[in-house]
Amino acid sequence: MDQEVDEVARVLLQKMGDSSEFIQKAANRSLGIMVGSVTPARAMTALMASGVQHRNVLVRKCAAEHLLTAMEQIGAEKLLSGTRDSTELLVRTLVKLAQDSHQETR
């Protein structure tokens, strides 16, 4: 599923933003399964690309929750020992989420 994770994450996050509560819960559950089933680094990349910059607060919140799960799977030491570019992207993403206007996203 690693090859399809970007598209799957994009579609599921989109469903979080423009659907009924029932579909939002199913999309959130599916994202959780996706994060647990793919390489944590691929899940992080897909969530950062599709969810963190989204206009809808529910999408950002959902992406932040699943991003945290993927980051916990990888571990802080391994996250920060990557290339300089990947570490900078991660830090910028985390700062953006920490400064989000919605409390649950922070």
N, C-alpha and C. Protein backbone atom coordinates (compact mmCIF):
# COMPACT_ATOMS: atom_id res chain seq x y z
N MET A 1 0.82 -1.20 0.00
CA MET A 1 0.00 0.00 0.00
C MET A 1 0.86 1.26 0.00
N ASP A 2 2.15 1.13 0.23
CA ASP A 2 3.02 2.30 0.29
C ASP A 2 2.96 3.16 -0.97
N GLN A 3 2.76 2.53 -2.13
CA GLN A 3 2.72 3.29 -3.37
C GLN A 3 1.47 4.16 -3.46
N GLU A 4 0.39 3.75 -2.82
CA GLU A 4 -0.88 4.44 -2.93
C GLU A 4 -1.19 5.37 -1.75
N VAL A 5 -0.29 5.45 -0.78
CA VAL A 5 -0.60 6.15 0.46
C VAL A 5 -0.86 7.65 0.25
N ASP A 6 -0.18 8.28 -0.67
CA ASP A 6 -0.40 9.71 -0.91
C ASP A 6 -1.83 9.98 -1.38
N GLU A 7 -2.27 9.19 -2.33
CA GLU A 7 -3.62 9.37 -2.88
C GLU A 7 -4.69 8.99 -1.85
N VAL A 8 -4.47 7.89 -1.15
CA VAL A 8 -5.44 7.45 -0.14
C VAL A 8 -5.57 8.50 0.96
N ALA A 9 -4.45 9.02 1.44
CA ALA A 9 -4.49 10.04 2.48
C ALA A 9 -5.20 11.30 1.99
N ARG A 10 -4.93 11.70 0.77
CA ARG A 10 -5.56 12.90 0.22
C ARG A 10 -7.08 12.74 0.16
N VAL A 11 -7.54 11.60 -0.33
CA VAL A 11 -8.98 11.37 -0.47
C VAL A 11 -9.65 11.27 0.90
N LEU A 12 -9.03 10.54 1.82
CA LEU A 12 -9.64 10.40 3.15
C LEU A 12 -9.66 11.72 3.91
N LEU A 13 -8.62 12.51 3.77
CA LEU A 13 -8.61 13.81 4.43
C LEU A 13 -9.65 14.74 3.80
N GLN A 14 -9.84 14.63 2.51
CA GLN A 14 -10.87 15.42 1.84
C GLN A 14 -12.24 15.04 2.37
N LYS A 15 -12.47 13.76 2.58
CA LYS A 15 -13.75 13.30 3.13
C LYS A 15 -13.97 13.84 4.55
N MET A 16 -12.90 14.05 5.28
CA MET A 16 -13.02 14.63 6.62
C MET A 16 -13.60 16.03 6.55
N GLY A 17 -13.31 16.75 5.51
CA GLY A 17 -13.70 18.14 5.42
C GLY A 17 -15.04 18.43 4.79
N ASP A 18 -15.56 17.50 4.01
CA ASP A 18 -16.78 17.83 3.28
C ASP A 18 -17.86 16.76 3.36
N SER A 19 -17.95 16.08 4.48
CA SER A 19 -18.91 14.99 4.58
C SER A 19 -19.67 15.04 5.90
N SER A 20 -20.62 14.13 6.01
CA SER A 20 -21.40 14.02 7.24
C SER A 20 -20.53 13.46 8.36
N GLU A 21 -21.03 13.54 9.57
CA GLU A 21 -20.28 13.06 10.73
C GLU A 21 -19.99 11.56 10.62
N PHE A 22 -20.93 10.81 10.11
CA PHE A 22 -20.74 9.37 9.93
C PHE A 22 -19.55 9.08 9.01
N ILE A 23 -19.48 9.77 7.89
CA ILE A 23 -18.38 9.57 6.94
C ILE A 23 -17.07 10.09 7.53
N GLN A 24 -17.12 11.18 8.28
CA GLN A 24 -15.92 11.70 8.93
C GLN A 24 -15.33 10.67 9.89
N LYS A 25 -16.18 10.02 10.67
CA LYS A 25 -15.69 9.00 11.61
C LYS A 25 -15.07 7.82 10.86
N ALA A 26 -15.71 7.41 9.77
CA ALA A 26 -15.17 6.30 8.97
C ALA A 26 -13.85 6.69 8.32
N ALA A 27 -13.75 7.91 7.83
CA ALA A 27 -12.49 8.37 7.22
C ALA A 27 -11.39 8.45 8.27
N ASN A 28 -11.71 8.94 9.45
CA ASN A 28 -10.72 9.03 10.53
C ASN A 28 -10.24 7.64 10.93
N ARG A 29 -11.16 6.70 11.05
CA ARG A 29 -10.80 5.32 11.39
C ARG A 29 -9.93 4.71 10.29
N SER A 30 -10.28 4.98 9.04
CA SER A 30 -9.51 4.46 7.90
C SER A 30 -8.11 5.04 7.87
N LEU A 31 -7.99 6.33 8.19
CA LEU A 31 -6.66 6.94 8.26
C LEU A 31 -5.82 6.29 9.35
N GLY A 32 -6.44 5.98 10.47
CA GLY A 32 -5.72 5.29 11.54
C GLY A 32 -5.21 3.93 11.10
N ILE A 33 -6.04 3.20 10.38
CA ILE A 33 -5.63 1.89 9.85
C ILE A 33 -4.51 2.07 8.84
N MET A 34 -4.63 3.10 7.99
CA MET A 34 -3.60 3.37 6.99
C MET A 34 -2.26 3.65 7.66
N VAL A 35 -2.26 4.50 8.68
CA VAL A 35 -1.01 4.85 9.37
C VAL A 35 -0.38 3.60 10.00
N GLY A 36 -1.21 2.70 10.51
CA GLY A 36 -0.69 1.48 11.10
C GLY A 36 -0.24 0.44 10.10
N SER A 37 -0.65 0.59 8.84
CA SER A 37 -0.37 -0.43 7.84
C SER A 37 0.75 -0.09 6.86
N VAL A 38 1.16 1.15 6.83
CA VAL A 38 2.22 1.54 5.89
C VAL A 38 3.48 1.93 6.67
N THR A 39 4.53 2.17 5.95
CA THR A 39 5.76 2.64 6.56
C THR A 39 5.49 3.99 7.22
N PRO A 40 5.88 4.16 8.49
CA PRO A 40 5.60 5.42 9.18
C PRO A 40 6.11 6.66 8.45
N ALA A 41 7.26 6.55 7.80
CA ALA A 41 7.80 7.70 7.07
C ALA A 41 6.90 8.07 5.89
N ARG A 42 6.36 7.07 5.20
CA ARG A 42 5.44 7.34 4.08
C ARG A 42 4.15 7.96 4.59
N ALA A 43 3.65 7.48 5.72
CA ALA A 43 2.44 8.05 6.30
C ALA A 43 2.67 9.51 6.67
N MET A 44 3.82 9.80 7.27
CA MET A 44 4.14 11.18 7.63
C MET A 44 4.18 12.07 6.41
N THR A 45 4.83 11.63 5.37
CA THR A 45 4.96 12.42 4.15
C THR A 45 3.58 12.71 3.56
N ALA A 46 2.73 11.71 3.50
CA ALA A 46 1.39 11.89 2.93
C ALA A 46 0.55 12.83 3.78
N LEU A 47 0.61 12.70 5.09
CA LEU A 47 -0.18 13.56 5.98
C LEU A 47 0.31 14.99 5.94
N MET A 48 1.62 15.18 5.87
CA MET A 48 2.15 16.54 5.80
C MET A 48 1.80 17.20 4.47
N ALA A 49 1.78 16.42 3.39
CA ALA A 49 1.49 16.98 2.08
C ALA A 49 0.01 17.32 1.91
N SER A 50 -0.87 16.53 2.49
CA SER A 50 -2.30 16.70 2.23
C SER A 50 -3.09 17.36 3.35
N GLY A 51 -2.64 17.26 4.58
CA GLY A 51 -3.48 17.68 5.67
C GLY A 51 -3.08 18.91 6.44
N VAL A 52 -1.80 19.15 6.59
CA VAL A 52 -1.33 20.23 7.45
C VAL A 52 -1.67 21.61 6.89
N GLN A 53 -1.65 21.75 5.58
CA GLN A 53 -1.91 23.04 4.93
C GLN A 53 -3.39 23.25 4.60
N HIS A 54 -4.24 22.28 4.89
CA HIS A 54 -5.64 22.35 4.48
C HIS A 54 -6.37 23.49 5.17
N ARG A 55 -7.36 24.06 4.48
CA ARG A 55 -8.14 25.18 5.04
C ARG A 55 -9.09 24.73 6.14
N ASN A 56 -9.59 23.52 6.06
CA ASN A 56 -10.58 23.03 7.02
C ASN A 56 -9.90 22.60 8.32
N VAL A 57 -10.42 23.08 9.43
CA VAL A 57 -9.84 22.81 10.73
C VAL A 57 -9.95 21.33 11.10
N LEU A 58 -11.03 20.66 10.71
CA LEU A 58 -11.17 19.23 11.01
C LEU A 58 -10.12 18.40 10.29
N VAL A 59 -9.80 18.79 9.08
CA VAL A 59 -8.78 18.08 8.31
C VAL A 59 -7.41 18.26 8.96
N ARG A 60 -7.09 19.50 9.36
CA ARG A 60 -5.80 19.74 10.03
C ARG A 60 -5.71 18.99 11.35
N LYS A 61 -6.80 18.97 12.10
CA LYS A 61 -6.82 18.26 13.38
C LYS A 61 -6.59 16.77 13.18
N CYS A 62 -7.30 16.19 12.23
CA CYS A 62 -7.17 14.76 11.93
C CYS A 62 -5.75 14.43 11.45
N ALA A 63 -5.23 15.26 10.57
CA ALA A 63 -3.87 15.04 10.07
C ALA A 63 -2.85 15.14 11.21
N ALA A 64 -3.03 16.09 12.11
CA ALA A 64 -2.11 16.25 13.24
C ALA A 64 -2.15 15.03 14.16
N GLU A 65 -3.33 14.50 14.41
CA GLU A 65 -3.46 13.32 15.28
C GLU A 65 -2.74 12.12 14.67
N HIS A 66 -2.95 11.89 13.40
CA HIS A 66 -2.34 10.72 12.76
C HIS A 66 -0.84 10.95 12.51
N LEU A 67 -0.46 12.19 12.31
CA LEU A 67 0.96 12.51 12.18
C LEU A 67 1.68 12.19 13.49
N LEU A 68 1.06 12.51 14.60
CA LEU A 68 1.64 12.20 15.91
C LEU A 68 1.83 10.70 16.07
N THR A 69 0.85 9.92 15.66
CA THR A 69 0.96 8.46 15.75
C THR A 69 2.14 7.94 14.94
N ALA A 70 2.28 8.44 13.72
CA ALA A 70 3.39 8.01 12.86
C ALA A 70 4.73 8.43 13.46
N MET A 71 4.79 9.64 14.01
CA MET A 71 6.04 10.12 14.61
C MET A 71 6.40 9.29 15.84
N GLU A 72 5.43 8.90 16.63
CA GLU A 72 5.69 8.07 17.80
C GLU A 72 6.22 6.70 17.39
N GLN A 73 5.74 6.17 16.27
CA GLN A 73 6.22 4.88 15.77
C GLN A 73 7.69 4.98 15.35
N ILE A 74 8.07 6.09 14.77
CA ILE A 74 9.45 6.26 14.30
C ILE A 74 10.38 6.54 15.48
N GLY A 75 9.97 7.42 16.36
CA GLY A 75 10.82 7.78 17.50
C GLY A 75 11.57 9.07 17.24
N ALA A 76 11.77 9.84 18.30
CA ALA A 76 12.39 11.16 18.18
C ALA A 76 13.82 11.10 17.67
N GLU A 77 14.59 10.16 18.15
CA GLU A 77 15.99 10.08 17.75
C GLU A 77 16.14 9.84 16.25
N LYS A 78 15.36 8.92 15.73
CA LYS A 78 15.43 8.62 14.30
C LYS A 78 14.87 9.77 13.46
N LEU A 79 13.82 10.45 13.96
CA LEU A 79 13.25 11.58 13.24
C LEU A 79 14.26 12.71 13.06
N LEU A 80 15.00 12.98 14.11
CA LEU A 80 15.94 14.10 14.08
C LEU A 80 17.30 13.73 13.52
N SER A 81 17.52 12.47 13.21
CA SER A 81 18.82 12.07 12.67
C SER A 81 18.80 11.95 11.14
N GLY A 82 17.72 12.41 10.51
CA GLY A 82 17.63 12.36 9.05
C GLY A 82 18.44 13.46 8.40
N THR A 83 18.18 13.66 7.12
CA THR A 83 18.89 14.71 6.40
C THR A 83 18.44 16.07 6.91
N ARG A 84 19.23 17.07 6.61
CA ARG A 84 18.92 18.42 7.09
C ARG A 84 17.60 18.91 6.51
N ASP A 85 17.36 18.64 5.23
CA ASP A 85 16.12 19.08 4.58
C ASP A 85 14.89 18.44 5.21
N SER A 86 14.96 17.15 5.47
CA SER A 86 13.80 16.47 6.06
C SER A 86 13.56 16.93 7.49
N THR A 87 14.63 17.18 8.22
CA THR A 87 14.47 17.68 9.59
C THR A 87 13.89 19.08 9.60
N GLU A 88 14.33 19.93 8.67
CA GLU A 88 13.78 21.29 8.58
C GLU A 88 12.29 21.26 8.22
N LEU A 89 11.92 20.40 7.28
CA LEU A 89 10.51 20.27 6.89
C LEU A 89 9.68 19.81 8.08
N LEU A 90 10.18 18.85 8.82
CA LEU A 90 9.46 18.35 9.99
C LEU A 90 9.29 19.45 11.04
N VAL A 91 10.34 20.18 11.32
CA VAL A 91 10.27 21.25 12.32
C VAL A 91 9.30 22.34 11.86
N ARG A 92 9.37 22.73 10.59
CA ARG A 92 8.44 23.75 10.08
C ARG A 92 6.99 23.29 10.19
N THR A 93 6.75 22.03 9.89
CA THR A 93 5.40 21.47 9.99
C THR A 93 4.91 21.48 11.43
N LEU A 94 5.77 21.06 12.35
CA LEU A 94 5.39 21.03 13.76
C LEU A 94 5.13 22.43 14.31
N VAL A 95 5.93 23.40 13.88
CA VAL A 95 5.72 24.78 14.32
C VAL A 95 4.39 25.29 13.78
N LYS A 96 4.09 24.98 12.53
CA LYS A 96 2.81 25.41 11.94
C LYS A 96 1.65 24.81 12.71
N LEU A 97 1.74 23.55 13.05
CA LEU A 97 0.66 22.91 13.81
C LEU A 97 0.56 23.49 15.23
N ALA A 98 1.69 23.79 15.83
CA ALA A 98 1.69 24.35 17.18
C ALA A 98 1.09 25.75 17.21
N GLN A 99 1.14 26.46 16.11
CA GLN A 99 0.61 27.81 16.02
C GLN A 99 -0.78 27.85 15.40
N ASP A 100 -1.39 26.71 15.19
CA ASP A 100 -2.70 26.65 14.55
C ASP A 100 -3.74 27.36 15.42
N SER A 101 -4.71 27.99 14.79
CA SER A 101 -5.72 28.74 15.51
C SER A 101 -6.69 27.83 16.27
N HIS A 102 -6.79 26.60 15.89
CA HIS A 102 -7.71 25.65 16.54
C HIS A 102 -6.99 24.92 17.66
N GLN A 103 -7.55 24.97 18.84
CA GLN A 103 -6.90 24.42 20.03
C GLN A 103 -6.64 22.92 19.92
N GLU A 104 -7.58 22.16 19.37
CA GLU A 104 -7.40 20.71 19.28
C GLU A 104 -6.31 20.32 18.30
N THR A 105 -6.05 21.15 17.31
CA THR A 105 -4.96 20.89 16.38
C THR A 105 -3.61 21.08 17.06
N ARG A 106 -3.54 22.09 17.90
CA ARG A 106 -2.28 22.35 18.63
C ARG A 106 -1.98 21.20 19.56
